[in-house]
């Protein structure tokens, strides 16, 4: 799901952490 990844990616960037969803 690209939409789901985008949402989690935005949260990860805001928290300055790597995307744990990948």
N, C-alpha and C. Protein backbone atom coordinates (compact mmCIF):
# COMPACT_ATOMS: atom_id res chain seq x y z
N UNK A 1 0.85 -1.19 0.00
CA UNK A 1 0.00 0.00 0.00
C UNK A 1 0.89 1.25 0.00
N UNK A 2 0.87 1.97 -1.09
CA UNK A 2 1.72 3.17 -1.17
C UNK A 2 1.22 4.23 -0.19
N UNK A 3 -0.10 4.36 -0.05
CA UNK A 3 -0.65 5.38 0.86
C UNK A 3 -0.20 5.11 2.28
N UNK A 4 -0.25 3.85 2.69
CA UNK A 4 0.15 3.52 4.06
C UNK A 4 1.63 3.84 4.28
N UNK A 5 2.46 3.49 3.29
CA UNK A 5 3.90 3.76 3.42
C UNK A 5 4.14 5.26 3.51
N UNK A 6 3.41 6.04 2.72
CA UNK A 6 3.59 7.50 2.75
C UNK A 6 3.27 8.05 4.13
N UNK A 7 2.18 7.58 4.72
CA UNK A 7 1.81 8.08 6.05
C UNK A 7 2.88 7.73 7.07
N UNK A 8 3.33 6.47 7.06
CA UNK A 8 4.35 6.06 8.03
C UNK A 8 5.66 6.78 7.76
N UNK A 9 5.96 7.04 6.49
CA UNK A 9 7.20 7.73 6.14
C UNK A 9 7.17 9.15 6.68
N UNK A 10 6.03 9.84 6.55
CA UNK A 10 5.91 11.20 7.07
C UNK A 10 6.13 11.22 8.57
N UNK A 11 5.55 10.27 9.28
CA UNK A 11 5.73 10.21 10.74
C UNK A 11 7.19 9.96 11.07
N UNK A 12 7.83 9.07 10.34
CA UNK A 12 9.24 8.76 10.61
C UNK A 12 10.11 9.99 10.39
N UNK A 13 9.84 10.74 9.32
CA UNK A 13 10.63 11.95 9.04
C UNK A 13 10.42 12.98 10.14
N UNK A 14 9.19 13.11 10.62
CA UNK A 14 8.93 14.09 11.68
C UNK A 14 9.66 13.69 12.95
N UNK A 15 9.75 12.40 13.22
CA UNK A 15 10.45 11.93 14.42
C UNK A 15 11.95 11.77 14.17
N UNK A 16 12.39 12.10 12.93
CA UNK A 16 13.80 11.97 12.58
C UNK A 16 14.26 10.54 12.79
N UNK A 17 13.42 9.56 12.40
CA UNK A 17 13.81 8.15 12.53
C UNK A 17 13.65 7.46 11.19
N UNK A 18 14.35 6.34 11.03
CA UNK A 18 14.26 5.61 9.78
C UNK A 18 12.91 4.93 9.66
N UNK A 19 12.37 4.81 8.43
CA UNK A 19 11.08 4.16 8.20
C UNK A 19 11.14 2.68 8.59
N UNK A 20 10.46 2.32 9.66
CA UNK A 20 10.48 0.94 10.12
C UNK A 20 9.50 0.08 9.34
N UNK A 21 8.74 0.72 8.44
CA UNK A 21 7.73 -0.04 7.69
C UNK A 21 8.38 -0.78 6.52
N UNK A 22 9.52 -0.29 6.04
CA UNK A 22 10.15 -0.94 4.89
C UNK A 22 10.72 -2.29 5.25
